[in-house]
Amino acid sequence: MAAVAALVLPVAVAAQQTVTVVSFGGSYQDSLRKALYTPTAQKLG
């Protein structure tokens, strides 16, 4: 049981972290948001 907890707990902690993205802005950032960030955020919640 402890081995399972050791495998599951780091994943639970990692799932609560924030990802910060730095971009050049403008149309480049808009494209990234539309193609990558928004769909990913919707899938991950």
PDB file of N, CA and C in Angstrom:
ATOM      1  N   MET A   1       0.818  -1.197   0.000  1.00  0.00           N
ATOM      2  CA  MET A   1       0.000   0.000   0.000  1.00  0.00           C
ATOM      3  C   MET A   1       0.866   1.267   0.000  1.00  0.00           C
ATOM      4  N   ALA A   2       1.940   1.249   0.744  1.00  0.00           N
ATOM      5  CA  ALA A   2       2.822   2.422   0.784  1.00  0.00           C
ATOM      6  C   ALA A   2       3.467   2.676  -0.567  1.00  0.00           C
ATOM      7  N   ALA A   3       3.751   1.613  -1.302  1.00  0.00           N
ATOM      8  CA  ALA A   3       4.356   1.774  -2.624  1.00  0.00           C
ATOM      9  C   ALA A   3       3.388   2.466  -3.582  1.00  0.00           C
ATOM     10  N   VAL A   4       2.108   2.135  -3.484  1.00  0.00           N
ATOM     11  CA  VAL A   4       1.100   2.789  -4.323  1.00  0.00           C
ATOM     12  C   VAL A   4       0.992   4.260  -3.962  1.00  0.00           C
ATOM     13  N   ALA A   5       0.988   4.567  -2.680  1.00  0.00           N
ATOM     14  CA  ALA A   5       0.910   5.965  -2.242  1.00  0.00           C
ATOM     15  C   ALA A   5       2.123   6.750  -2.724  1.00  0.00           C
ATOM     16  N   ALA A   6       3.291   6.120  -2.718  1.00  0.00           N
ATOM     17  CA  ALA A   6       4.503   6.792  -3.170  1.00  0.00           C
ATOM     18  C   ALA A   6       4.431   7.132  -4.652  1.00  0.00           C
ATOM     19  N   LEU A   7       3.717   6.331  -5.430  1.00  0.00           N
ATOM     20  CA  LEU A   7       3.578   6.599  -6.854  1.00  0.00           C
ATOM     21  C   LEU A   7       2.474   7.601  -7.141  1.00  0.00           C
ATOM     22  N   VAL A   8       1.411   7.598  -6.373  1.00  0.00           N
ATOM     23  CA  VAL A   8       0.248   8.435  -6.646  1.00  0.00           C
ATOM     24  C   VAL A   8       0.416   9.852  -6.105  1.00  0.00           C
ATOM     25  N   LEU A   9       0.988  10.018  -4.943  1.00  0.00           N
ATOM     26  CA  LEU A   9       1.087  11.333  -4.316  1.00  0.00           C
ATOM     27  C   LEU A   9       1.876  12.352  -5.134  1.00  0.00           C
ATOM     28  N   PRO A  10       3.034  12.016  -5.710  1.00  0.00           N
ATOM     29  CA  PRO A  10       3.731  13.017  -6.527  1.00  0.00           C
ATOM     30  C   PRO A  10       2.902  13.489  -7.724  1.00  0.00           C
ATOM     31  N   VAL A  11       2.107  12.613  -8.305  1.00  0.00           N
ATOM     32  CA  VAL A  11       1.264  12.994  -9.435  1.00  0.00           C
ATOM     33  C   VAL A  11       0.191  13.966  -8.977  1.00  0.00           C
ATOM     34  N   ALA A  12      -0.401  13.725  -7.828  1.00  0.00           N
ATOM     35  CA  ALA A  12      -1.433  14.607  -7.302  1.00  0.00           C
ATOM     36  C   ALA A  12      -0.856  15.996  -7.018  1.00  0.00           C
ATOM     37  N   VAL A  13       0.340  16.057  -6.503  1.00  0.00           N
ATOM     38  CA  VAL A  13       0.982  17.340  -6.216  1.00  0.00           C
ATOM     39  C   VAL A  13       1.307  18.056  -7.521  1.00  0.00           C
ATOM     40  N   ALA A  14       1.829  17.344  -8.497  1.00  0.00           N
ATOM     41  CA  ALA A  14       2.187  17.949  -9.774  1.00  0.00           C
ATOM     42  C   ALA A  14       0.961  18.488 -10.492  1.00  0.00           C
ATOM     43  N   ALA A  15      -0.180  17.849 -10.317  1.00  0.00           N
ATOM     44  CA  ALA A  15      -1.394  18.277 -11.001  1.00  0.00           C
ATOM     45  C   ALA A  15      -1.899  19.620 -10.487  1.00  0.00           C
ATOM     46  N   GLN A  16      -1.452  20.037  -9.331  1.00  0.00           N
ATOM     47  CA  GLN A  16      -1.922  21.291  -8.749  1.00  0.00           C
ATOM     48  C   GLN A  16      -1.006  22.472  -9.066  1.00  0.00           C
ATOM     49  N   GLN A  17       0.062  22.251  -9.772  1.00  0.00           N
ATOM     50  CA  GLN A  17       1.004  23.316 -10.080  1.00  0.00           C
ATOM     51  C   GLN A  17       0.510  24.153 -11.248  1.00  0.00           C
ATOM     52  N   THR A  18       1.038  25.336 -11.367  1.00  0.00           N
ATOM     53  CA  THR A  18       0.679  26.272 -12.426  1.00  0.00           C
ATOM     54  C   THR A  18       1.777  26.305 -13.483  1.00  0.00           C
ATOM     55  N   VAL A  19       1.367  26.391 -14.728  1.00  0.00           N
ATOM     56  CA  VAL A  19       2.320  26.535 -15.827  1.00  0.00           C
ATOM     57  C   VAL A  19       2.268  27.984 -16.301  1.00  0.00           C
ATOM     58  N   THR A  20       3.414  28.639 -16.358  1.00  0.00           N
ATOM     59  CA  THR A  20       3.502  30.012 -16.828  1.00  0.00           C
ATOM     60  C   THR A  20       4.175  30.011 -18.197  1.00  0.00           C
ATOM     61  N   VAL A  21       3.561  30.681 -19.155  1.00  0.00           N
ATOM     62  CA  VAL A  21       4.090  30.736 -20.514  1.00  0.00           C
ATOM     63  C   VAL A  21       4.410  32.187 -20.843  1.00  0.00           C
ATOM     64  N   VAL A  22       5.596  32.410 -21.399  1.00  0.00           N
ATOM     65  CA  VAL A  22       6.012  33.742 -21.839  1.00  0.00           C
ATOM     66  C   VAL A  22       6.041  33.721 -23.359  1.00  0.00           C
ATOM     67  N   SER A  23       5.457  34.742 -23.974  1.00  0.00           N
ATOM     68  CA  SER A  23       5.349  34.779 -25.425  1.00  0.00           C
ATOM     69  C   SER A  23       5.715  36.163 -25.941  1.00  0.00           C
ATOM     70  N   PHE A  24       5.891  36.249 -27.256  1.00  0.00           N
ATOM     71  CA  PHE A  24       6.194  37.525 -27.891  1.00  0.00           C
ATOM     72  C   PHE A  24       4.965  38.421 -27.990  1.00  0.00           C
ATOM     73  N   GLY A  25       3.786  37.830 -27.839  1.00  0.00           N
ATOM     74  CA  GLY A  25       2.557  38.614 -27.890  1.00  0.00           C
ATOM     75  C   GLY A  25       2.015  38.744 -29.305  1.00  0.00           C
ATOM     76  N   GLY A  26       1.013  39.577 -29.448  1.00  0.00           N
ATOM     77  CA  GLY A  26       0.414  39.843 -30.749  1.00  0.00           C
ATOM     78  C   GLY A  26      -0.257  38.633 -31.356  1.00  0.00           C
ATOM     79  N   SER A  27      -0.199  38.532 -32.680  1.00  0.00           N
ATOM     80  CA  SER A  27      -0.864  37.443 -33.393  1.00  0.00           C
ATOM     81  C   SER A  27      -0.223  36.092 -33.081  1.00  0.00           C
ATOM     82  N   TYR A  28       1.070  36.100 -32.771  1.00  0.00           N
ATOM     83  CA  TYR A  28       1.757  34.852 -32.396  1.00  0.00           C
ATOM     84  C   TYR A  28       1.144  34.274 -31.118  1.00  0.00           C
ATOM     85  N   GLN A  29       0.958  35.110 -30.125  1.00  0.00           N
ATOM     86  CA  GLN A  29       0.366  34.678 -28.865  1.00  0.00           C
ATOM     87  C   GLN A  29      -1.092  34.264 -29.068  1.00  0.00           C
ATOM     88  N   ASP A  30      -1.816  34.998 -29.868  1.00  0.00           N
ATOM     89  CA  ASP A  30      -3.215  34.649 -30.153  1.00  0.00           C
ATOM     90  C   ASP A  30      -3.319  33.271 -30.797  1.00  0.00           C
ATOM     91  N   SER A  31      -2.409  32.979 -31.724  1.00  0.00           N
ATOM     92  CA  SER A  31      -2.404  31.673 -32.390  1.00  0.00           C
ATOM     93  C   SER A  31      -2.091  30.549 -31.408  1.00  0.00           C
ATOM     94  N   LEU A  32      -1.107  30.769 -30.551  1.00  0.00           N
ATOM     95  CA  LEU A  32      -0.770  29.758 -29.547  1.00  0.00           C
ATOM     96  C   LEU A  32      -1.935  29.518 -28.592  1.00  0.00           C
ATOM     97  N   ARG A  33      -2.567  30.595 -28.178  1.00  0.00           N
ATOM     98  CA  ARG A  33      -3.701  30.467 -27.268  1.00  0.00           C
ATOM     99  C   ARG A  33      -4.811  29.645 -27.907  1.00  0.00           C
ATOM    100  N   LYS A  34      -5.112  29.944 -29.163  1.00  0.00           N
ATOM    101  CA  LYS A  34      -6.203  29.249 -29.860  1.00  0.00           C
ATOM    102  C   LYS A  34      -5.862  27.784 -30.130  1.00  0.00           C
ATOM    103  N   ALA A  35      -4.630  27.509 -30.548  1.00  0.00           N
ATOM    104  CA  ALA A  35      -4.247  26.153 -30.953  1.00  0.00           C
ATOM    105  C   ALA A  35      -3.837  25.263 -29.784  1.00  0.00           C
ATOM    106  N   LEU A  36      -3.234  25.842 -28.755  1.00  0.00           N
ATOM    107  CA  LEU A  36      -2.659  25.016 -27.694  1.00  0.00           C
ATOM    108  C   LEU A  36      -3.243  25.262 -26.304  1.00  0.00           C
ATOM    109  N   TYR A  37      -3.208  26.501 -25.864  1.00  0.00           N
ATOM    110  CA  TYR A  37      -3.505  26.773 -24.458  1.00  0.00           C
ATOM    111  C   TYR A  37      -4.971  26.555 -24.105  1.00  0.00           C
ATOM    112  N   THR A  38      -5.871  27.086 -24.891  1.00  0.00           N
ATOM    113  CA  THR A  38      -7.296  26.949 -24.588  1.00  0.00           C
ATOM    114  C   THR A  38      -7.760  25.497 -24.644  1.00  0.00           C
ATOM    115  N   PRO A  39      -7.427  24.735 -25.716  1.00  0.00           N
ATOM    116  CA  PRO A  39      -7.842  23.319 -25.729  1.00  0.00           C
ATOM    117  C   PRO A  39      -7.248  22.505 -24.561  1.00  0.00           C
ATOM    118  N   THR A  40      -6.000  22.785 -24.222  1.00  0.00           N
ATOM    119  CA  THR A  40      -5.366  22.065 -23.122  1.00  0.00           C
ATOM    120  C   THR A  40      -6.050  22.402 -21.808  1.00  0.00           C
ATOM    121  N   ALA A  41      -6.326  23.669 -21.573  1.00  0.00           N
ATOM    122  CA  ALA A  41      -6.978  24.085 -20.330  1.00  0.00           C
ATOM    123  C   ALA A  41      -8.374  23.467 -20.217  1.00  0.00           C
ATOM    124  N   GLN A  42      -9.086  23.367 -21.330  1.00  0.00           N
ATOM    125  CA  GLN A  42     -10.417  22.769 -21.312  1.00  0.00           C
ATOM    126  C   GLN A  42     -10.350  21.279 -20.993  1.00  0.00           C
ATOM    127  N   LYS A  43      -9.353  20.585 -21.512  1.00  0.00           N
ATOM    128  CA  LYS A  43      -9.226  19.156 -21.252  1.00  0.00           C
ATOM    129  C   LYS A  43      -8.767  18.872 -19.824  1.00  0.00           C
ATOM    130  N   LEU A  44      -7.888  19.716 -19.308  1.00  0.00           N
ATOM    131  CA  LEU A  44      -7.335  19.477 -17.970  1.00  0.00           C
ATOM    132  C   LEU A  44      -8.181  20.085 -16.852  1.00  0.00           C
ATOM    133  N   GLY A  45      -9.048  21.014 -17.230  1.00  0.00           N
ATOM    134  CA  GLY A  45      -9.923  21.611 -16.221  1.00  0.00           C
ATOM    135  C   GLY A  45      -9.359  22.778 -15.598  1.00  0.00           C
TER     136      GLY A  45
END
